[in-house]
Amino acid sequence: MPNSLKSGSVVIQRRGKTYAGEYVVARGMVTVYGENGSKTAQLGGASAETMATDLLREIIDENKAAVSTFQERWRGRIWGRIGRRH
């Protein structure tokens, strides 16, 4: 099979928001690029578009988890400083 390159775009709804990503398939690997990062996986039995959609969901979920952890950490620091002042 020659080195073929396929690309496309995916759009999903998550938690009331719309997210879009672009994907590229090369050498049996699917890479999706979203607003908050990129992710690559080996193309399996699912279509490239399905895999790209799943990868975009993972990017979004990982980003939400990172933001949540960051917010919790800073909330704790802020409340700790406020508590020391009073």
N, C-alpha and C. Protein backbone atom coordinates (compact mmCIF):
# COMPACT_ATOMS: atom_id res chain seq x y z
N MET A 1 0.84 -1.18 0.00
CA MET A 1 0.00 0.00 0.00
C MET A 1 0.89 1.24 0.00
N PRO A 2 0.69 2.15 -0.91
CA PRO A 2 1.53 3.35 -0.96
C PRO A 2 1.25 4.26 0.23
N ASN A 3 2.19 5.16 0.50
CA ASN A 3 1.99 6.14 1.57
C ASN A 3 0.90 7.11 1.17
N SER A 4 -0.30 6.86 1.65
CA SER A 4 -1.42 7.75 1.33
C SER A 4 -1.68 8.66 2.52
N LEU A 5 -2.14 9.83 2.21
CA LEU A 5 -2.42 10.82 3.24
C LEU A 5 -3.88 11.21 3.11
N LYS A 6 -4.61 11.10 4.21
CA LYS A 6 -6.01 11.47 4.22
C LYS A 6 -6.20 12.50 5.33
N SER A 7 -7.06 13.46 5.10
CA SER A 7 -7.33 14.44 6.15
C SER A 7 -8.81 14.78 6.14
N GLY A 8 -9.24 15.38 7.23
CA GLY A 8 -10.64 15.77 7.35
C GLY A 8 -10.84 16.58 8.62
N SER A 9 -12.09 16.83 8.92
CA SER A 9 -12.40 17.57 10.14
C SER A 9 -13.54 16.88 10.87
N VAL A 10 -13.58 17.08 12.18
CA VAL A 10 -14.64 16.53 13.03
C VAL A 10 -15.15 17.63 13.95
N VAL A 11 -16.42 17.55 14.28
CA VAL A 11 -17.06 18.50 15.18
C VAL A 11 -17.88 17.70 16.18
N ILE A 12 -17.76 18.04 17.46
CA ILE A 12 -18.56 17.36 18.48
C ILE A 12 -19.17 18.38 19.42
N GLN A 13 -20.24 17.98 20.08
CA GLN A 13 -20.87 18.75 21.14
C GLN A 13 -20.47 18.10 22.45
N ARG A 14 -20.03 18.90 23.39
CA ARG A 14 -19.62 18.37 24.70
C ARG A 14 -19.94 19.42 25.75
N ARG A 15 -20.75 19.04 26.73
CA ARG A 15 -21.12 19.93 27.84
C ARG A 15 -21.67 21.26 27.33
N GLY A 16 -22.50 21.20 26.28
CA GLY A 16 -23.13 22.40 25.76
C GLY A 16 -22.26 23.27 24.87
N LYS A 17 -21.05 22.82 24.58
CA LYS A 17 -20.14 23.59 23.72
C LYS A 17 -19.82 22.79 22.47
N THR A 18 -19.45 23.49 21.42
CA THR A 18 -19.05 22.86 20.18
C THR A 18 -17.54 22.91 20.05
N TYR A 19 -16.94 21.77 19.74
CA TYR A 19 -15.49 21.67 19.57
C TYR A 19 -15.20 21.12 18.18
N ALA A 20 -14.19 21.65 17.55
CA ALA A 20 -13.81 21.21 16.21
C ALA A 20 -12.34 20.79 16.20
N GLY A 21 -12.02 19.85 15.34
CA GLY A 21 -10.64 19.42 15.18
C GLY A 21 -10.39 18.99 13.76
N GLU A 22 -9.14 18.99 13.40
CA GLU A 22 -8.70 18.53 12.08
C GLU A 22 -7.90 17.25 12.30
N TYR A 23 -8.06 16.30 11.40
CA TYR A 23 -7.29 15.08 11.54
C TYR A 23 -6.56 14.73 10.26
N VAL A 24 -5.48 13.96 10.45
CA VAL A 24 -4.66 13.48 9.35
C VAL A 24 -4.41 12.00 9.58
N VAL A 25 -4.51 11.22 8.52
CA VAL A 25 -4.19 9.80 8.57
C VAL A 25 -2.97 9.57 7.71
N ALA A 26 -1.94 9.01 8.30
CA ALA A 26 -0.71 8.71 7.57
C ALA A 26 -0.06 7.47 8.17
N ARG A 27 0.33 6.55 7.32
CA ARG A 27 1.03 5.34 7.76
C ARG A 27 0.29 4.58 8.84
N GLY A 28 -1.02 4.52 8.72
CA GLY A 28 -1.82 3.74 9.67
C GLY A 28 -2.06 4.43 11.00
N MET A 29 -1.70 5.69 11.12
CA MET A 29 -1.90 6.44 12.37
C MET A 29 -2.86 7.61 12.11
N VAL A 30 -3.72 7.88 13.07
CA VAL A 30 -4.65 9.01 13.00
C VAL A 30 -4.18 10.04 14.02
N THR A 31 -3.98 11.27 13.59
CA THR A 31 -3.64 12.36 14.50
C THR A 31 -4.70 13.42 14.37
N VAL A 32 -5.26 13.81 15.51
CA VAL A 32 -6.26 14.87 15.52
C VAL A 32 -5.67 16.07 16.23
N TYR A 33 -5.93 17.24 15.68
CA TYR A 33 -5.45 18.50 16.23
C TYR A 33 -6.66 19.31 16.67
N GLY A 34 -6.74 19.60 17.95
CA GLY A 34 -7.83 20.40 18.49
C GLY A 34 -7.30 21.69 19.07
N GLU A 35 -8.19 22.50 19.55
CA GLU A 35 -7.82 23.79 20.13
C GLU A 35 -6.87 23.63 21.31
N ASN A 36 -7.01 22.53 22.04
CA ASN A 36 -6.25 22.35 23.27
C ASN A 36 -5.17 21.27 23.18
N GLY A 37 -4.78 20.91 21.97
CA GLY A 37 -3.73 19.92 21.85
C GLY A 37 -3.96 18.96 20.72
N SER A 38 -3.16 17.91 20.70
CA SER A 38 -3.27 16.89 19.67
C SER A 38 -3.11 15.52 20.29
N LYS A 39 -3.56 14.53 19.56
CA LYS A 39 -3.48 13.16 20.05
C LYS A 39 -3.40 12.23 18.85
N THR A 40 -2.62 11.15 18.98
CA THR A 40 -2.41 10.20 17.90
C THR A 40 -2.74 8.79 18.38
N ALA A 41 -3.32 7.99 17.49
CA ALA A 41 -3.60 6.59 17.78
C ALA A 41 -3.47 5.79 16.49
N GLN A 42 -3.25 4.49 16.67
CA GLN A 42 -3.16 3.60 15.51
C GLN A 42 -4.56 3.37 14.96
N LEU A 43 -4.68 3.45 13.67
CA LEU A 43 -5.96 3.22 13.00
C LEU A 43 -6.30 1.74 13.12
N GLY A 44 -7.47 1.46 13.67
CA GLY A 44 -7.88 0.07 13.86
C GLY A 44 -9.06 -0.25 12.97
N GLY A 45 -10.05 -0.94 13.54
CA GLY A 45 -11.22 -1.35 12.78
C GLY A 45 -12.20 -0.23 12.51
N ALA A 46 -12.16 0.83 13.31
CA ALA A 46 -13.08 1.96 13.13
C ALA A 46 -12.60 2.86 12.00
N SER A 47 -13.50 3.67 11.49
CA SER A 47 -13.12 4.61 10.43
C SER A 47 -12.22 5.70 11.00
N ALA A 48 -11.49 6.37 10.13
CA ALA A 48 -10.61 7.45 10.55
C ALA A 48 -11.41 8.56 11.22
N GLU A 49 -12.58 8.88 10.69
CA GLU A 49 -13.42 9.93 11.27
C GLU A 49 -13.90 9.56 12.67
N THR A 50 -14.30 8.30 12.86
CA THR A 50 -14.72 7.85 14.19
C THR A 50 -13.57 7.92 15.18
N MET A 51 -12.40 7.46 14.76
CA MET A 51 -11.22 7.51 15.63
C MET A 51 -10.88 8.96 15.98
N ALA A 52 -10.93 9.84 14.98
CA ALA A 52 -10.62 11.25 15.21
C ALA A 52 -11.61 11.87 16.19
N THR A 53 -12.87 11.52 16.06
CA THR A 53 -13.90 12.02 16.99
C THR A 53 -13.60 11.56 18.41
N ASP A 54 -13.27 10.30 18.57
CA ASP A 54 -12.93 9.77 19.90
C ASP A 54 -11.69 10.46 20.47
N LEU A 55 -10.69 10.67 19.64
CA LEU A 55 -9.48 11.35 20.10
C LEU A 55 -9.76 12.79 20.51
N LEU A 56 -10.62 13.46 19.76
CA LEU A 56 -10.98 14.84 20.12
C LEU A 56 -11.69 14.87 21.47
N ARG A 57 -12.57 13.91 21.72
CA ARG A 57 -13.23 13.81 23.03
C ARG A 57 -12.19 13.63 24.15
N GLU A 58 -11.20 12.79 23.90
CA GLU A 58 -10.16 12.57 24.91
C GLU A 58 -9.38 13.85 25.18
N ILE A 59 -9.05 14.59 24.14
CA ILE A 59 -8.32 15.87 24.31
C ILE A 59 -9.15 16.81 25.19
N ILE A 60 -10.43 16.91 24.89
CA ILE A 60 -11.31 17.82 25.64
C ILE A 60 -11.40 17.38 27.09
N ASP A 61 -11.62 16.08 27.32
CA ASP A 61 -11.74 15.58 28.69
C ASP A 61 -10.45 15.75 29.48
N GLU A 62 -9.31 15.50 28.85
CA GLU A 62 -8.03 15.69 29.54
C GLU A 62 -7.79 17.15 29.87
N ASN A 63 -8.17 18.03 28.96
CA ASN A 63 -8.00 19.46 29.21
C ASN A 63 -8.91 19.93 30.34
N LYS A 64 -10.13 19.45 30.38
CA LYS A 64 -11.07 19.82 31.46
C LYS A 64 -10.53 19.34 32.80
N ALA A 65 -9.97 18.14 32.84
CA ALA A 65 -9.41 17.62 34.09
C ALA A 65 -8.23 18.46 34.54
N ALA A 66 -7.37 18.87 33.61
CA ALA A 66 -6.21 19.69 33.95
C ALA A 66 -6.64 21.05 34.46
N VAL A 67 -7.62 21.66 33.83
CA VAL A 67 -8.12 22.97 34.27
C VAL A 67 -8.73 22.85 35.65
N SER A 68 -9.50 21.80 35.88
CA SER A 68 -10.14 21.60 37.17
C SER A 68 -9.10 21.45 38.29
N THR A 69 -8.06 20.66 38.04
CA THR A 69 -7.00 20.48 39.03
C THR A 69 -6.29 21.80 39.30
N PHE A 70 -6.00 22.55 38.26
CA PHE A 70 -5.35 23.85 38.40
C PHE A 70 -6.21 24.79 39.24
N GLN A 71 -7.51 24.85 38.95
CA GLN A 71 -8.42 25.73 39.70
C GLN A 71 -8.50 25.33 41.16
N GLU A 72 -8.57 24.04 41.43
CA GLU A 72 -8.64 23.57 42.82
C GLU A 72 -7.36 23.94 43.58
N ARG A 73 -6.24 23.80 42.93
CA ARG A 73 -4.96 24.12 43.57
C ARG A 73 -4.91 25.60 43.94
N TRP A 74 -5.29 26.47 43.00
CA TRP A 74 -5.25 27.90 43.26
C TRP A 74 -6.31 28.32 44.26
N ARG A 75 -7.48 27.71 44.20
CA ARG A 75 -8.52 28.02 45.19
C ARG A 75 -8.01 27.74 46.60
N GLY A 76 -7.32 26.60 46.75
CA GLY A 76 -6.76 26.25 48.05
C GLY A 76 -5.72 27.25 48.51
N ARG A 77 -4.88 27.72 47.62
CA ARG A 77 -3.85 28.71 47.99
C ARG A 77 -4.49 30.04 48.38
N ILE A 78 -5.48 30.45 47.60
CA ILE A 78 -6.14 31.74 47.89
C ILE A 78 -6.85 31.68 49.23
N TRP A 79 -7.64 30.60 49.44
CA TRP A 79 -8.36 30.50 50.71
C TRP A 79 -7.40 30.34 51.88
N GLY A 80 -6.27 29.68 51.66
CA GLY A 80 -5.26 29.55 52.71
C GLY A 80 -4.69 30.92 53.10
N ARG A 81 -4.46 31.77 52.14
CA ARG A 81 -3.93 33.11 52.43
C ARG A 81 -4.98 33.97 53.10
N ILE A 82 -6.22 33.86 52.66
CA ILE A 82 -7.29 34.65 53.28
C ILE A 82 -7.47 34.22 54.73
N GLY A 83 -7.41 32.91 54.98
CA GLY A 83 -7.56 32.40 56.34
C GLY A 83 -6.45 32.87 57.27
N ARG A 84 -5.25 33.03 56.77
CA ARG A 84 -4.12 33.49 57.59
C ARG A 84 -4.24 34.95 57.94
N ARG A 85 -4.92 35.73 57.10
CA ARG A 85 -5.05 37.16 57.34
C ARG A 85 -6.10 37.48 58.37
N HIS A 86 -7.04 36.59 58.58
CA HIS A 86 -8.14 36.90 59.52
C HIS A 86 -8.03 36.16 60.81
